[in-house]
N, C-alpha and C. Protein backbone atom coordinates (compact mmCIF):
# COMPACT_ATOMS: atom_id res chain seq x y z
N UNK A 1 25.34 8.50 7.63
CA UNK A 1 24.38 7.66 8.31
C UNK A 1 23.47 8.55 9.15
N UNK A 2 22.19 8.53 8.85
CA UNK A 2 21.24 9.30 9.64
C UNK A 2 20.60 8.39 10.67
N UNK A 3 20.48 8.93 11.86
CA UNK A 3 19.91 8.16 12.95
C UNK A 3 18.41 8.01 12.74
N UNK A 4 17.93 6.81 12.96
CA UNK A 4 16.50 6.54 12.83
C UNK A 4 15.76 6.98 14.08
N UNK A 5 14.51 7.34 13.91
CA UNK A 5 13.68 7.63 15.06
C UNK A 5 13.46 6.30 15.80
N UNK A 6 13.58 6.31 17.11
CA UNK A 6 13.44 5.10 17.94
C UNK A 6 14.50 4.05 17.63
N UNK A 7 15.70 4.49 17.25
CA UNK A 7 16.73 3.52 16.84
C UNK A 7 17.12 2.57 17.96
N UNK A 8 17.19 3.06 19.18
CA UNK A 8 17.57 2.19 20.31
C UNK A 8 16.55 1.06 20.47
N UNK A 9 15.27 1.41 20.41
CA UNK A 9 14.22 0.39 20.53
C UNK A 9 14.22 -0.54 19.33
N UNK A 10 14.50 0.00 18.15
CA UNK A 10 14.56 -0.84 16.95
C UNK A 10 15.72 -1.83 17.03
N UNK A 11 16.83 -1.42 17.61
CA UNK A 11 17.97 -2.34 17.78
C UNK A 11 17.58 -3.46 18.73
N UNK A 12 16.91 -3.11 19.83
CA UNK A 12 16.46 -4.14 20.77
C UNK A 12 15.52 -5.13 20.09
N UNK A 13 14.60 -4.61 19.30
CA UNK A 13 13.66 -5.46 18.57
C UNK A 13 14.41 -6.32 17.54
N UNK A 14 15.39 -5.73 16.87
CA UNK A 14 16.18 -6.47 15.88
C UNK A 14 16.93 -7.61 16.54
N UNK A 15 17.49 -7.38 17.71
CA UNK A 15 18.20 -8.44 18.42
C UNK A 15 17.23 -9.56 18.77
N UNK A 16 16.06 -9.20 19.24
CA UNK A 16 15.04 -10.19 19.60
C UNK A 16 14.63 -11.03 18.38
N UNK A 17 14.33 -10.37 17.27
CA UNK A 17 13.89 -11.06 16.05
C UNK A 17 15.03 -11.90 15.48
N UNK A 18 16.22 -11.34 15.44
CA UNK A 18 17.37 -12.07 14.88
C UNK A 18 17.74 -13.26 15.75
N UNK A 19 17.59 -13.15 17.07
CA UNK A 19 17.86 -14.29 17.94
C UNK A 19 16.89 -15.43 17.64
N UNK A 20 15.62 -15.10 17.44
CA UNK A 20 14.64 -16.13 17.09
C UNK A 20 14.99 -16.77 15.75
N UNK A 21 15.42 -15.96 14.79
CA UNK A 21 15.83 -16.48 13.49
C UNK A 21 17.04 -17.42 13.65
N UNK A 22 17.99 -17.01 14.47
CA UNK A 22 19.19 -17.83 14.69
C UNK A 22 18.82 -19.18 15.32
N UNK A 23 17.89 -19.16 16.26
CA UNK A 23 17.44 -20.41 16.89
C UNK A 23 16.82 -21.35 15.86
N UNK A 24 16.02 -20.77 14.96
CA UNK A 24 15.39 -21.59 13.92
C UNK A 24 16.44 -22.17 12.96
N UNK A 25 17.55 -21.49 12.82
CA UNK A 25 18.63 -21.98 11.97
C UNK A 25 19.51 -23.00 12.68
N UNK A 26 19.25 -23.23 13.98
CA UNK A 26 20.02 -24.22 14.72
C UNK A 26 21.14 -23.65 15.56
N UNK A 27 21.23 -22.33 15.64
CA UNK A 27 22.26 -21.70 16.45
C UNK A 27 21.89 -21.86 17.92
N UNK A 28 22.87 -22.18 18.73
CA UNK A 28 22.63 -22.31 20.18
C UNK A 28 22.24 -20.95 20.75
N UNK A 29 21.49 -20.97 21.82
CA UNK A 29 21.04 -19.72 22.43
C UNK A 29 22.22 -18.95 23.01
N UNK A 30 22.06 -17.64 23.08
CA UNK A 30 23.07 -16.82 23.73
C UNK A 30 22.98 -17.03 25.23
N UNK A 31 24.11 -16.93 25.88
CA UNK A 31 24.14 -17.03 27.34
C UNK A 31 23.78 -15.68 27.94
N UNK A 32 23.24 -15.67 29.15
CA UNK A 32 22.92 -14.38 29.78
C UNK A 32 24.14 -13.48 29.98
N UNK A 33 25.31 -14.07 30.00
CA UNK A 33 26.53 -13.28 30.21
C UNK A 33 27.09 -12.70 28.91
N UNK A 34 26.53 -13.07 27.77
CA UNK A 34 26.99 -12.53 26.49
C UNK A 34 26.63 -11.04 26.40
N UNK A 35 27.58 -10.24 25.97
CA UNK A 35 27.34 -8.80 25.88
C UNK A 35 26.50 -8.47 24.66
N UNK A 36 25.88 -7.31 24.70
CA UNK A 36 25.08 -6.84 23.58
C UNK A 36 25.98 -6.66 22.36
N UNK A 37 27.18 -6.19 22.58
CA UNK A 37 28.13 -6.00 21.48
C UNK A 37 28.39 -7.32 20.76
N UNK A 38 28.60 -8.39 21.52
CA UNK A 38 28.85 -9.70 20.92
C UNK A 38 27.62 -10.22 20.19
N UNK A 39 26.45 -10.01 20.77
CA UNK A 39 25.21 -10.45 20.13
C UNK A 39 25.01 -9.72 18.81
N UNK A 40 25.20 -8.41 18.82
CA UNK A 40 25.01 -7.60 17.61
C UNK A 40 25.94 -8.08 16.51
N UNK A 41 27.21 -8.28 16.84
CA UNK A 41 28.17 -8.71 15.81
C UNK A 41 27.82 -10.09 15.28
N UNK A 42 27.49 -11.01 16.15
CA UNK A 42 27.16 -12.38 15.74
C UNK A 42 25.91 -12.39 14.85
N UNK A 43 24.88 -11.68 15.28
CA UNK A 43 23.63 -11.66 14.52
C UNK A 43 23.80 -10.93 13.19
N UNK A 44 24.56 -9.86 13.20
CA UNK A 44 24.85 -9.13 11.96
C UNK A 44 25.53 -10.06 10.96
N UNK A 45 26.55 -10.77 11.41
CA UNK A 45 27.30 -11.66 10.51
C UNK A 45 26.43 -12.81 10.01
N UNK A 46 25.54 -13.32 10.85
CA UNK A 46 24.62 -14.38 10.41
C UNK A 46 23.69 -13.86 9.32
N UNK A 47 23.13 -12.68 9.52
CA UNK A 47 22.21 -12.12 8.54
C UNK A 47 22.92 -11.77 7.23
N UNK A 48 24.16 -11.33 7.32
CA UNK A 48 24.95 -11.06 6.11
C UNK A 48 25.21 -12.37 5.39
N UNK A 49 25.61 -13.40 6.14
CA UNK A 49 25.90 -14.69 5.53
C UNK A 49 24.69 -15.25 4.80
N UNK A 50 23.50 -15.08 5.39
CA UNK A 50 22.26 -15.57 4.79
C UNK A 50 21.70 -14.59 3.75
N UNK A 51 22.43 -13.51 3.51
CA UNK A 51 22.06 -12.51 2.50
C UNK A 51 20.71 -11.84 2.79
N UNK A 52 20.44 -11.64 4.07
CA UNK A 52 19.23 -10.93 4.47
C UNK A 52 19.49 -9.43 4.63
N UNK A 53 20.75 -9.08 4.83
CA UNK A 53 21.13 -7.67 4.86
C UNK A 53 22.40 -7.50 4.03
N UNK A 54 22.59 -6.30 3.55
CA UNK A 54 23.76 -5.98 2.74
C UNK A 54 24.93 -5.70 3.70
N UNK A 55 26.07 -6.32 3.46
CA UNK A 55 27.21 -6.10 4.36
C UNK A 55 27.75 -4.68 4.27
N UNK A 56 28.30 -4.23 5.38
CA UNK A 56 28.98 -2.94 5.43
C UNK A 56 30.34 -3.07 4.76
N UNK A 57 30.87 -1.99 4.21
CA UNK A 57 32.25 -2.04 3.72
C UNK A 57 33.18 -2.38 4.90
N UNK A 58 34.25 -3.08 4.62
CA UNK A 58 35.15 -3.56 5.67
C UNK A 58 35.66 -2.44 6.58
N UNK A 59 35.91 -1.27 6.03
CA UNK A 59 36.44 -0.18 6.85
C UNK A 59 35.37 0.50 7.70
N UNK A 60 34.10 0.12 7.53
CA UNK A 60 33.02 0.71 8.31
C UNK A 60 32.37 -0.29 9.27
N UNK A 61 32.94 -1.47 9.38
CA UNK A 61 32.38 -2.48 10.28
C UNK A 61 32.75 -2.13 11.72
N UNK A 62 31.80 -1.57 12.44
CA UNK A 62 31.97 -1.31 13.86
C UNK A 62 30.62 -1.49 14.53
N UNK A 63 30.61 -1.50 15.83
CA UNK A 63 29.39 -1.77 16.57
C UNK A 63 28.24 -0.84 16.25
N UNK A 64 28.55 0.45 16.15
CA UNK A 64 27.50 1.43 15.88
C UNK A 64 26.87 1.21 14.51
N UNK A 65 27.68 0.98 13.49
CA UNK A 65 27.15 0.77 12.14
C UNK A 65 26.40 -0.56 12.04
N UNK A 66 26.88 -1.58 12.75
CA UNK A 66 26.18 -2.87 12.75
C UNK A 66 24.80 -2.73 13.40
N UNK A 67 24.74 -1.99 14.50
CA UNK A 67 23.45 -1.75 15.16
C UNK A 67 22.51 -1.00 14.23
N UNK A 68 23.04 -0.01 13.55
CA UNK A 68 22.21 0.78 12.62
C UNK A 68 21.68 -0.11 11.49
N UNK A 69 22.53 -0.98 10.97
CA UNK A 69 22.12 -1.87 9.88
C UNK A 69 21.04 -2.83 10.38
N UNK A 70 21.18 -3.34 11.62
CA UNK A 70 20.15 -4.22 12.19
C UNK A 70 18.84 -3.47 12.39
N UNK A 71 18.92 -2.21 12.83
CA UNK A 71 17.71 -1.40 13.02
C UNK A 71 17.00 -1.18 11.69
N UNK A 72 17.76 -0.90 10.63
CA UNK A 72 17.16 -0.73 9.31
C UNK A 72 16.49 -2.03 8.85
N UNK A 73 17.14 -3.14 9.10
CA UNK A 73 16.61 -4.45 8.70
C UNK A 73 15.28 -4.72 9.39
N UNK A 74 15.24 -4.52 10.70
CA UNK A 74 14.00 -4.84 11.42
C UNK A 74 12.90 -3.83 11.08
N UNK A 75 13.27 -2.59 10.79
CA UNK A 75 12.26 -1.59 10.42
C UNK A 75 11.53 -2.01 9.15
N UNK A 76 12.26 -2.68 8.25
CA UNK A 76 11.63 -3.15 7.01
C UNK A 76 10.76 -4.39 7.24
N UNK A 77 11.01 -5.11 8.33
CA UNK A 77 10.25 -6.32 8.62
C UNK A 77 8.94 -6.01 9.36
N UNK A 78 8.90 -4.89 10.04
CA UNK A 78 7.73 -4.55 10.85
C UNK A 78 6.59 -4.03 9.97
N UNK A 79 5.34 -4.24 10.41
CA UNK A 79 4.21 -3.67 9.67
C UNK A 79 4.25 -2.14 9.70
N UNK A 80 3.69 -1.51 8.70
CA UNK A 80 3.74 -0.05 8.56
C UNK A 80 3.16 0.69 9.77
N UNK A 81 2.19 0.09 10.44
CA UNK A 81 1.54 0.76 11.57
C UNK A 81 2.14 0.40 12.93
N UNK A 82 3.30 -0.22 12.94
CA UNK A 82 3.95 -0.60 14.19
C UNK A 82 4.35 0.66 14.96
N UNK A 83 4.18 0.67 16.30
CA UNK A 83 4.49 1.87 17.08
C UNK A 83 5.95 2.34 16.98
N UNK A 84 6.88 1.44 16.76
CA UNK A 84 8.28 1.85 16.67
C UNK A 84 8.59 2.63 15.40
N UNK A 85 7.73 2.54 14.41
CA UNK A 85 7.96 3.25 13.15
C UNK A 85 7.32 4.62 13.10
N UNK A 86 6.56 4.96 14.13
CA UNK A 86 5.89 6.28 14.12
C UNK A 86 6.67 7.31 14.88
């Protein structure tokens, strides 16, 4: 797994975009006390269930790999000239 340029910012953007997607699907909003770890896992599983991202192998499912997969997903959704991709 190679780290993406601006991966931390891409993960933040992925969480934001995926939360909006989850709301549109009828998922209740996250509480302010929910941890980033819990948000990442929940959003990752939702996107896998909806077949928007390819699931990780079971032995590689951890927070870091889930964040990386979310960052890759959002990087593909952003326009080519987006500042996070440069």
